[in-house]
Amino acid sequence: MPSRSPQHPTRHIGALVTAFLGLVLGLLPAVTAPAAAAPAPEPVAAAAAGTFRNPLNTGPDPFMTHWSGNYYLTTTQGDSIKMWRSPSLGNLAAADPVTVWTDSDPSRNRNIWAPEFYRFGDRWYLYYTADDGVDDHHRLYVLESERDDPTGPYHFKAKLAPPNHADEFAIDAGILQMNGRLYLAYSGINQYQHNGLNIAPMSNPYTVSGNAVAFDAAGGCPEVREGPEFLYRNGRVWMTYSACDTGKPDYQIRMMSLPAGADPLVPGAWYQHPDAVFSRADDRGVFGPGHHAFFRSPDGTEDWIVYHAKTTSVSTYTNRTTRAQKFTWRADGTPDFGRPLALGATQDLPSGDPGSGNYWINDDGRSSGAGSVTYSGAWNSGTGCATQCFWSDDHWSDSAGATATFSFTGTRIALLSVKDTGNGYAAISIDGGPEQTVDFHGAIRIGEAVQYRSPRLGHGNHTLRIRVTGQHNAQSQGSFVSVDRAEVYVN
């Protein structure tokens, strides 16, 4: 996960994986990529059967699409590019990652950020940024798949650099598809910001064919304009992007738009929409929402946004987790992203999603499925954690030997609760097996953090036991263990 550069303390460095798969998703039939074949038809599944809760992934900078019966997700991992695949959105958090790219070239095998992937013809092109260990050496690159599969395998294809910025800092590639042409949109050096918005023409998915033009995009704060992402609808192209520093709670999404027949390389042709279109929701415990992408439901009837956000108002690059929610369109043709939902809010799965059967178990024993929790020893409980907890309540204890035992029916279980400066070690076991030590401490207090995810289990009845050890690491101020939500995966 990216961290702030000491050379540029106000720079966002958690590059924003954004760019819309316009051709594959087909939001605007008139906007197509040159020589790009239509995607294979996707099977239309039955209506969504069930619900899900965020987060979908513990990483930041998400990009996601649904293709040929599966959701595919990437997030920033730092030393490689990993992809998660699942037929149901509800199972992405429990999916095992596939490593689709590592690199031995020392000039581009460090600080790998913001991967995103597009299908042109019968190949996939994966765009990302990387450096040699020096933040200011970040550059843009593209891989090409060797078959028609988002997970690859991939081979290195090209470095992407406009002639007028041939060897300058650049991150957050996004591909604009308009009027039968491709354009590289990215965040890089221009006269407005060190991380400013730029767009350059492309002659194919891996070749920049002309100079970049710079955009003086609004942002409500001075730091960055990054992560350009595109929607195609109602005779216009909508460019959304993130502004402010991603470590700050005010990180937000802004928007510009352009008539579908206009020239995207003319900055004055873009209309700047006032104010943020997606921003912090303190009453829901959501801070710094941004670095987003768009995808459509499996049956093509719904539009969804995937983004990262935090559960703390503290300025930090940690705790950025991937979330998704549906959005709609206003009568005037503009997208209505609404407000970010609280982490853990129960949502209906996208239309056409086959369903996951997943369910939750709250710390007070209530459950939406076949699950419960029981306690032994001394535990405290209450609602003081408010928006940082599922249903605004949790249990906590620093009494050595106290236990909480979850009984559940499924194939996997994940524990989410508060990380805090006074938390310590828990010993966790499955079905009476050996204990695993898990550190619940956090350098800052954050809510609904994924503390533990079990190995895959045979489908059936299982138990998970949490035991308070009474011990903690040297940085912690105490030995508390917090119990909040368990997420049970059935499939």
Foldseek 3Di string as FASTA:
>chain_A
DDFAAPVDNFAAQQAFQAAAQCQQLVQDVQFDAAQFDHADDADQFAWFDFWAFDDLWQAFRKEWEDHNQWIKIWFFDWQFTWIFIDSFSRCSSVTDIDGQDADPPLAFRGGKHRWYWYGGHQKIKIKIWGGNPHQFQIFIFIWIAPGNDPSGNTDGDATEDAPVGRGGRWGQWYWGTANRFIKTWTFADDPQARGFIWIFGAPHPGGGDHHIDTANADAPDRHHWGNWYWGDHDQKIKTKTWHGHQLAQFTAIFIWMAGRPDDPRDNVRIHGDDDGLEHDDVLQQWGRWGSKYWYAFSVSPWIKIKTWTFNDRHRGPHRTGIDMDTWDADPVGHTRPDYDHHRGDMDGTHTSRNYFPKKKAWQVQDIPDPKGKDKDDDKDKDQVCNSLARVSMWIKDLDFFIKMKMKDFAFKKWFWFKAAQAAAWKWKDKQPDGTDIWGSHDPHIGGRHTGDIDDTHDGGIMMMMIGQHSHHDPRHPHHMDMGTMMMHTHD
